[in-house]
Amino acid sequence: MLVVNGLARRIGSRLIFQNVGLELPAGACVAIMGESGVGKSTLLNCIAGLDRPDAGHVTVAGVGLADLNDEGLSRLRRTHVGFIFQAFHILPHLTIGQNVALPLWLLGESESAAGPRAAAMLEAVGLAGREGGWPRELSGGELQRVAIARALIHEPGLLLADEPTGNLGPEHAGRVLALLRAGIEQSGAAAVLVTHSREAARWADRVLRLTPDGLIPEVA
């Protein structure tokens, strides 16, 4: 589902990382850890086509990202990728339910069909009955759960999660990680989880550490 080969990224004259390689089949989950500033979020953005690497190649669902223009990248993300952003990116002018349903609308699903699916996803992340409310009414942890519901609703083939439990307490973090794992197993999605939490990383099949010279196995 995902192949990363020789990826490198610079910001100005500073080399963030190089020689990053990763192969992830459908249904597999990898956690990526690393020191702050090593480029974990930047790596996710390159995998999602939100940022262009300075070297190397990313292939998602058999499609090379370097071969796509901005419109093609947007289409690929809508169809194949679910992204849980560290900063949530919940739209304040949409209701909670509309935020979750947004990926389905972008794929052409009607509001009447998308609404019940959004309500079911909100129930799954512990926000049952909140679909008619507004993002400003939610805490940071609740907004994180909305972001997770939105990322999973269209059953993406590749799930990218940037600190998905960073704003959650232990109880909700465990619940959300269980949901993510169940969603991966049910849909057969591949998943890349960036986290500082060793507890969260334990939910992955394997744990890697990002260094300036690539990905290496994390030592327990």
C-alpha atoms as a PDB file:
ATOM      1  CA  MET A   1       0.000   0.000   0.000  1.00  0.00           C
ATOM      2  CA  LEU A   2       2.864   2.365   0.853  1.00  0.00           C
ATOM      3  CA  VAL A   3       6.431   2.385  -0.439  1.00  0.00           C
ATOM      4  CA  VAL A   4       8.913   5.078   0.608  1.00  0.00           C
ATOM      5  CA  ASN A   5      12.350   4.957  -0.986  1.00  0.00           C
ATOM      6  CA  GLY A   6      15.349   7.204  -0.327  1.00  0.00           C
ATOM      7  CA  LEU A   7      13.332  10.120   0.995  1.00  0.00           C
ATOM      8  CA  ALA A   8      15.171  13.300   1.967  1.00  0.00           C
ATOM      9  CA  ARG A   9      13.951  16.732   3.002  1.00  0.00           C
ATOM     10  CA  ARG A  10      15.762  19.996   3.581  1.00  0.00           C
ATOM     11  CA  ILE A  11      14.479  23.216   5.100  1.00  0.00           C
ATOM     12  CA  GLY A  12      16.702  25.968   3.813  1.00  0.00           C
ATOM     13  CA  SER A  13      20.262  24.690   4.079  1.00  0.00           C
ATOM     14  CA  ARG A  14      19.464  22.286   6.918  1.00  0.00           C
ATOM     15  CA  LEU A  15      19.036  18.609   6.113  1.00  0.00           C
ATOM     16  CA  ILE A  16      16.098  17.317   8.158  1.00  0.00           C
ATOM     17  CA  PHE A  17      16.375  13.659   7.190  1.00  0.00           C
ATOM     18  CA  GLN A  18      17.693  11.480   4.371  1.00  0.00           C
ATOM     19  CA  ASN A  19      17.685   7.862   3.199  1.00  0.00           C
ATOM     20  CA  VAL A  20      14.218   7.196   4.637  1.00  0.00           C
ATOM     21  CA  GLY A  21      12.806   3.908   3.404  1.00  0.00           C
ATOM     22  CA  LEU A  22       9.612   2.124   4.379  1.00  0.00           C
ATOM     23  CA  GLU A  23       7.373  -0.559   2.887  1.00  0.00           C
ATOM     24  CA  LEU A  24       3.954  -1.044   4.428  1.00  0.00           C
ATOM     25  CA  PRO A  25       1.464  -3.591   3.113  1.00  0.00           C
ATOM     26  CA  ALA A  26      -2.288  -3.341   3.573  1.00  0.00           C
ATOM     27  CA  GLY A  27      -3.322  -4.114   7.137  1.00  0.00           C
ATOM     28  CA  ALA A  28       0.053  -3.303   8.696  1.00  0.00           C
ATOM     29  CA  CYS A  29       0.651  -0.589  11.281  1.00  0.00           C
ATOM     30  CA  VAL A  30       3.985   1.053  12.065  1.00  0.00           C
ATOM     31  CA  ALA A  31       4.712   3.591  14.797  1.00  0.00           C
ATOM     32  CA  ILE A  32       7.427   6.192  14.222  1.00  0.00           C
ATOM     33  CA  MET A  33       9.104   7.804  17.208  1.00  0.00           C
ATOM     34  CA  GLY A  34      11.948  10.297  17.431  1.00  0.00           C
ATOM     35  CA  GLU A  35      13.267  13.401  19.069  1.00  0.00           C
ATOM     36  CA  SER A  36      11.419  16.692  18.679  1.00  0.00           C
ATOM     37  CA  GLY A  37      12.516  18.490  15.525  1.00  0.00           C
ATOM     38  CA  VAL A  38      13.779  15.373  13.748  1.00  0.00           C
ATOM     39  CA  GLY A  39      11.028  15.735  11.128  1.00  0.00           C
ATOM     40  CA  LYS A  40       8.332  13.214  12.006  1.00  0.00           C
ATOM     41  CA  SER A  41       5.465  15.496  10.974  1.00  0.00           C
ATOM     42  CA  THR A  42       7.399  16.557   7.878  1.00  0.00           C
ATOM     43  CA  LEU A  43       7.791  12.899   6.920  1.00  0.00           C
ATOM     44  CA  LEU A  44       4.041  12.336   7.249  1.00  0.00           C
ATOM     45  CA  ASN A  45       3.373  15.399   5.108  1.00  0.00           C
ATOM     46  CA  CYS A  46       5.712  14.048   2.409  1.00  0.00           C
ATOM     47  CA  ILE A  47       3.971  10.659   2.494  1.00  0.00           C
ATOM     48  CA  ALA A  48       0.591  12.406   2.124  1.00  0.00           C
ATOM     49  CA  GLY A  49       1.769  14.615  -0.729  1.00  0.00           C
ATOM     50  CA  LEU A  50       1.260  17.756   1.355  1.00  0.00           C
ATOM     51  CA  ASP A  51       4.985  18.468   1.132  1.00  0.00           C
ATOM     52  CA  ARG A  52       7.434  17.650  -1.635  1.00  0.00           C
ATOM     53  CA  PRO A  53      10.634  15.812  -0.679  1.00  0.00           C
ATOM     54  CA  ASP A  54      13.995  16.981  -2.005  1.00  0.00           C
ATOM     55  CA  ALA A  55      14.933  13.429  -2.979  1.00  0.00           C
ATOM     56  CA  GLY A  56      13.377   9.998  -3.083  1.00  0.00           C
ATOM     57  CA  HIS A  57      10.003   8.593  -4.004  1.00  0.00           C
ATOM     58  CA  VAL A  58       6.661   7.859  -2.339  1.00  0.00           C
ATOM     59  CA  THR A  59       4.152   5.421  -3.816  1.00  0.00           C
ATOM     60  CA  VAL A  60       0.610   5.093  -2.425  1.00  0.00           C
ATOM     61  CA  ALA A  61      -1.754   2.424  -3.756  1.00  0.00           C
ATOM     62  CA  GLY A  62       0.598   1.859  -6.678  1.00  0.00           C
ATOM     63  CA  VAL A  63       0.671   5.534  -7.674  1.00  0.00           C
ATOM     64  CA  GLY A  64       3.892   7.556  -7.529  1.00  0.00           C
ATOM     65  CA  LEU A  65       3.281  10.924  -5.890  1.00  0.00           C
ATOM     66  CA  ALA A  66       5.990  12.599  -7.962  1.00  0.00           C
ATOM     67  CA  ASP A  67       3.934  11.878 -11.102  1.00  0.00           C
ATOM     68  CA  LEU A  68       0.890  13.819  -9.835  1.00  0.00           C
ATOM     69  CA  ASN A  69       0.063  17.507  -9.982  1.00  0.00           C
ATOM     70  CA  ASP A  70      -1.738  19.261  -7.125  1.00  0.00           C
ATOM     71  CA  GLU A  71      -5.156  18.187  -8.392  1.00  0.00           C
ATOM     72  CA  GLY A  72      -4.037  14.585  -8.723  1.00  0.00           C
ATOM     73  CA  LEU A  73      -2.571  14.614  -5.225  1.00  0.00           C
ATOM     74  CA  SER A  74      -5.834  15.987  -3.814  1.00  0.00           C
ATOM     75  CA  ARG A  75      -7.798  13.264  -5.600  1.00  0.00           C
ATOM     76  CA  LEU A  76      -5.465  10.556  -4.275  1.00  0.00           C
ATOM     77  CA  ARG A  77      -5.796  11.851  -0.707  1.00  0.00           C
ATOM     78  CA  ARG A  78      -9.586  12.030  -0.921  1.00  0.00           C
ATOM     79  CA  THR A  79      -9.787   8.445  -2.159  1.00  0.00           C
ATOM     80  CA  HIS A  80      -7.011   6.606  -0.352  1.00  0.00           C
ATOM     81  CA  VAL A  81      -5.678   8.606   2.612  1.00  0.00           C
ATOM     82  CA  GLY A  82      -7.029   9.463   6.049  1.00  0.00           C
ATOM     83  CA  PHE A  83      -4.956  12.045   7.944  1.00  0.00           C
ATOM     84  CA  ILE A  84      -5.198  12.788  11.657  1.00  0.00           C
ATOM     85  CA  PHE A  85      -3.470  16.133  12.105  1.00  0.00           C
ATOM     86  CA  GLN A  86      -1.773  17.118  15.348  1.00  0.00           C
ATOM     87  CA  ALA A  87      -3.510  20.525  15.136  1.00  0.00           C
ATOM     88  CA  PHE A  88      -6.918  18.899  14.390  1.00  0.00           C
ATOM     89  CA  HIS A  89      -7.885  21.198  11.433  1.00  0.00           C
ATOM     90  CA  ILE A  90     -11.554  21.050  12.414  1.00  0.00           C
ATOM     91  CA  LEU A  91     -13.559  23.611  10.419  1.00  0.00           C
ATOM     92  CA  PRO A  92     -15.306  26.039  12.809  1.00  0.00           C
ATOM     93  CA  HIS A  93     -18.118  26.975  10.383  1.00  0.00           C
ATOM     94  CA  LEU A  94     -19.293  23.362  10.057  1.00  0.00           C
ATOM     95  CA  THR A  95     -21.109  21.386  12.735  1.00  0.00           C
ATOM     96  CA  ILE A  96     -19.347  18.485  14.398  1.00  0.00           C
ATOM     97  CA  GLY A  97     -21.273  16.010  12.257  1.00  0.00           C
ATOM     98  CA  GLN A  98     -20.544  17.953   9.074  1.00  0.00           C
ATOM     99  CA  ASN A  99     -16.819  17.965   9.868  1.00  0.00           C
ATOM    100  CA  VAL A 100     -16.862  14.181  10.179  1.00  0.00           C
ATOM    101  CA  ALA A 101     -18.973  13.740   7.030  1.00  0.00           C
ATOM    102  CA  LEU A 102     -16.750  16.020   4.921  1.00  0.00           C
ATOM    103  CA  PRO A 103     -14.605  13.233   3.369  1.00  0.00           C
ATOM    104  CA  LEU A 104     -17.780  11.472   2.199  1.00  0.00           C
ATOM    105  CA  TRP A 105     -19.120  14.662   0.622  1.00  0.00           C
ATOM    106  CA  LEU A 106     -15.831  15.136  -1.230  1.00  0.00           C
ATOM    107  CA  LEU A 107     -16.296  11.642  -2.649  1.00  0.00           C
ATOM    108  CA  GLY A 108     -19.787  12.526  -3.868  1.00  0.00           C
ATOM    109  CA  GLU A 109     -21.924  10.964  -1.138  1.00  0.00           C
ATOM    110  CA  SER A 110     -25.166  12.799  -0.364  1.00  0.00           C
ATOM    111  CA  GLU A 111     -25.746  14.596   2.933  1.00  0.00           C
ATOM    112  CA  SER A 112     -28.649  12.258   3.726  1.00  0.00           C
ATOM    113  CA  ALA A 113     -26.424   9.204   3.323  1.00  0.00           C
ATOM    114  CA  ALA A 114     -23.363  10.689   5.002  1.00  0.00           C
ATOM    115  CA  GLY A 115     -25.193  11.961   8.086  1.00  0.00           C
ATOM    116  CA  PRO A 116     -25.972   8.595   9.698  1.00  0.00           C
ATOM    117  CA  ARG A 117     -22.442   7.356   9.021  1.00  0.00           C
ATOM    118  CA  ALA A 118     -21.008  10.462  10.691  1.00  0.00           C
ATOM    119  CA  ALA A 119     -23.282   9.946  13.708  1.00  0.00           C
ATOM    120  CA  ALA A 120     -22.134   6.328  14.006  1.00  0.00           C
ATOM    121  CA  MET A 121     -18.469   7.351  13.863  1.00  0.00           C
ATOM    122  CA  LEU A 122     -19.011   9.977  16.554  1.00  0.00           C
ATOM    123  CA  GLU A 123     -20.635   7.357  18.742  1.00  0.00           C
ATOM    124  CA  ALA A 124     -17.646   5.083  18.197  1.00  0.00           C
ATOM    125  CA  VAL A 125     -15.243   7.772  19.521  1.00  0.00           C
ATOM    126  CA  GLY A 126     -17.408   8.588  22.517  1.00  0.00           C
ATOM    127  CA  LEU A 127     -19.265  11.626  21.155  1.00  0.00           C
ATOM    128  CA  ALA A 128     -22.727  10.174  20.607  1.00  0.00           C
ATOM    129  CA  GLY A 129     -25.426  12.753  19.956  1.00  0.00           C
ATOM    130  CA  ARG A 130     -22.985  15.614  19.414  1.00  0.00           C
ATOM    131  CA  GLU A 131     -23.271  15.796  15.606  1.00  0.00           C
ATOM    132  CA  GLY A 132     -25.432  18.956  15.704  1.00  0.00           C
ATOM    133  CA  GLY A 133     -23.055  20.854  17.984  1.00  0.00           C
ATOM    134  CA  TRP A 134     -20.208  23.185  17.046  1.00  0.00           C
ATOM    135  CA  PRO A 135     -16.446  22.726  17.364  1.00  0.00           C
ATOM    136  CA  ARG A 136     -16.179  25.728  19.727  1.00  0.00           C
ATOM    137  CA  GLU A 137     -18.196  23.738  22.272  1.00  0.00           C
ATOM    138  CA  LEU A 138     -15.593  20.965  22.485  1.00  0.00           C
ATOM    139  CA  SER A 139     -12.455  20.514  24.533  1.00  0.00           C
ATOM    140  CA  GLY A 140      -9.089  19.786  22.918  1.00  0.00           C
ATOM    141  CA  GLY A 141      -9.449  16.085  23.581  1.00  0.00           C
ATOM    142  CA  GLU A 142     -12.936  16.042  22.090  1.00  0.00           C
ATOM    143  CA  LEU A 143     -11.688  17.858  18.979  1.00  0.00           C
ATOM    144  CA  GLN A 144      -9.003  15.191  18.627  1.00  0.00           C
ATOM    145  CA  ARG A 145     -11.686  12.503  18.653  1.00  0.00           C
ATOM    146  CA  VAL A 146     -13.636  14.380  15.957  1.00  0.00           C
ATOM    147  CA  ALA A 147     -10.459  14.450  13.843  1.00  0.00           C
ATOM    148  CA  ILE A 148     -10.045  10.702  14.272  1.00  0.00           C
ATOM    149  CA  ALA A 149     -13.660  10.028  13.307  1.00  0.00           C
ATOM    150  CA  ARG A 150     -13.242  12.168  10.192  1.00  0.00           C
ATOM    151  CA  ALA A 151     -10.059  10.334   9.176  1.00  0.00           C
ATOM    152  CA  LEU A 152     -11.687   6.909   9.453  1.00  0.00           C
ATOM    153  CA  ILE A 153     -15.142   7.547   8.003  1.00  0.00           C
ATOM    154  CA  HIS A 154     -14.309   6.911   4.343  1.00  0.00           C
ATOM    155  CA  GLU A 155     -12.335   3.735   5.162  1.00  0.00           C
ATOM    156  CA  PRO A 156      -9.027   4.888   3.662  1.00  0.00           C
ATOM    157  CA  GLY A 157      -6.429   2.453   2.450  1.00  0.00           C
ATOM    158  CA  LEU A 158      -3.692   4.455   4.188  1.00  0.00           C
ATOM    159  CA  LEU A 159      -4.115   6.116   7.572  1.00  0.00           C
ATOM    160  CA  LEU A 160      -1.565   8.722   8.687  1.00  0.00           C
ATOM    161  CA  ALA A 161      -1.801   9.804  12.313  1.00  0.00           C
ATOM    162  CA  ASP A 162       0.254  12.622  13.841  1.00  0.00           C
ATOM    163  CA  GLU A 163       0.135  12.281  17.655  1.00  0.00           C
ATOM    164  CA  PRO A 164      -3.493  11.032  17.598  1.00  0.00           C
ATOM    165  CA  THR A 165      -3.647  10.647  21.385  1.00  0.00           C
ATOM    166  CA  GLY A 166      -1.565  13.675  22.321  1.00  0.00           C
ATOM    167  CA  ASN A 167      -4.532  15.568  23.811  1.00  0.00           C
ATOM    168  CA  LEU A 168      -6.325  12.620  25.391  1.00  0.00           C
ATOM    169  CA  GLY A 169      -6.336  11.246  28.900  1.00  0.00           C
ATOM    170  CA  PRO A 170      -5.356   7.608  29.477  1.00  0.00           C
ATOM    171  CA  GLU A 171      -8.927   6.273  29.331  1.00  0.00           C
ATOM    172  CA  HIS A 172      -9.857   7.998  26.069  1.00  0.00           C
ATOM    173  CA  ALA A 173      -6.393   7.358  24.604  1.00  0.00           C
ATOM    174  CA  GLY A 174      -6.821   3.620  25.078  1.00  0.00           C
ATOM    175  CA  ARG A 175     -10.320   3.763  23.597  1.00  0.00           C
ATOM    176  CA  VAL A 176      -9.154   5.710  20.554  1.00  0.00           C
ATOM    177  CA  LEU A 177      -6.160   3.449  19.959  1.00  0.00           C
ATOM    178  CA  ALA A 178      -8.453   0.432  20.123  1.00  0.00           C
ATOM    179  CA  LEU A 179     -10.745   2.130  17.597  1.00  0.00           C
ATOM    180  CA  LEU A 180      -7.847   2.891  15.278  1.00  0.00           C
ATOM    181  CA  ARG A 181      -6.608  -0.671  15.483  1.00  0.00           C
ATOM    182  CA  ALA A 182     -10.083  -2.082  14.860  1.00  0.00           C
ATOM    183  CA  GLY A 183     -10.550   0.247  11.893  1.00  0.00           C
ATOM    184  CA  ILE A 184      -7.229  -0.847  10.418  1.00  0.00           C
ATOM    185  CA  GLU A 185      -8.054  -4.533  10.829  1.00  0.00           C
ATOM    186  CA  GLN A 186     -11.599  -4.166   9.502  1.00  0.00           C
ATOM    187  CA  SER A 187     -10.698  -2.176   6.414  1.00  0.00           C
ATOM    188  CA  GLY A 188      -7.290  -3.694   5.750  1.00  0.00           C
ATOM    189  CA  ALA A 189      -5.720  -0.229   5.805  1.00  0.00           C
ATOM    190  CA  ALA A 190      -2.034   0.409   6.277  1.00  0.00           C
ATOM    191  CA  ALA A 191      -1.264   2.896   9.039  1.00  0.00           C
ATOM    192  CA  VAL A 192       1.636   5.138  10.020  1.00  0.00           C
ATOM    193  CA  LEU A 193       1.432   6.480  13.562  1.00  0.00           C
ATOM    194  CA  VAL A 194       3.769   9.262  14.682  1.00  0.00           C
ATOM    195  CA  THR A 195       3.891   9.478  18.449  1.00  0.00           C
ATOM    196  CA  HIS A 196       5.983  10.403  21.478  1.00  0.00           C
ATOM    197  CA  SER A 197       4.024   7.893  23.556  1.00  0.00           C
ATOM    198  CA  ARG A 198       5.479   4.437  24.044  1.00  0.00           C
ATOM    199  CA  GLU A 199       2.028   3.314  25.204  1.00  0.00           C
ATOM    200  CA  ALA A 200       0.536   4.388  21.870  1.00  0.00           C
ATOM    201  CA  ALA A 201       3.436   2.841  19.948  1.00  0.00           C
ATOM    202  CA  ARG A 202       2.711  -0.562  21.509  1.00  0.00           C
ATOM    203  CA  TRP A 203      -0.458  -0.759  19.424  1.00  0.00           C
ATOM    204  CA  ALA A 204       1.624  -0.925  16.240  1.00  0.00           C
ATOM    205  CA  ASP A 205       3.054  -4.051  14.645  1.00  0.00           C
ATOM    206  CA  ARG A 206       6.530  -2.544  14.779  1.00  0.00           C
ATOM    207  CA  VAL A 207       8.165   0.602  16.092  1.00  0.00           C
ATOM    208  CA  LEU A 208      10.775   2.621  14.203  1.00  0.00           C
ATOM    209  CA  ARG A 209      12.792   5.678  15.192  1.00  0.00           C
ATOM    210  CA  LEU A 210      13.358   8.528  12.742  1.00  0.00           C
ATOM    211  CA  THR A 211      16.939   9.806  12.710  1.00  0.00           C
ATOM    212  CA  PRO A 212      18.642  12.295  10.379  1.00  0.00           C
ATOM    213  CA  ASP A 213      19.970   9.283   8.449  1.00  0.00           C
ATOM    214  CA  GLY A 214      16.726   7.333   8.115  1.00  0.00           C
ATOM    215  CA  LEU A 215      14.473   4.953  10.005  1.00  0.00           C
ATOM    216  CA  ILE A 216      15.939   2.428  12.427  1.00  0.00           C
ATOM    217  CA  PRO A 217      14.237  -0.148  14.723  1.00  0.00           C
ATOM    218  CA  GLU A 218      13.318   1.342  18.081  1.00  0.00           C
ATOM    219  CA  VAL A 219      15.021  -0.249  21.052  1.00  0.00           C
ATOM    220  CA  ALA A 220      12.530  -1.116  23.792  1.00  0.00           C
END
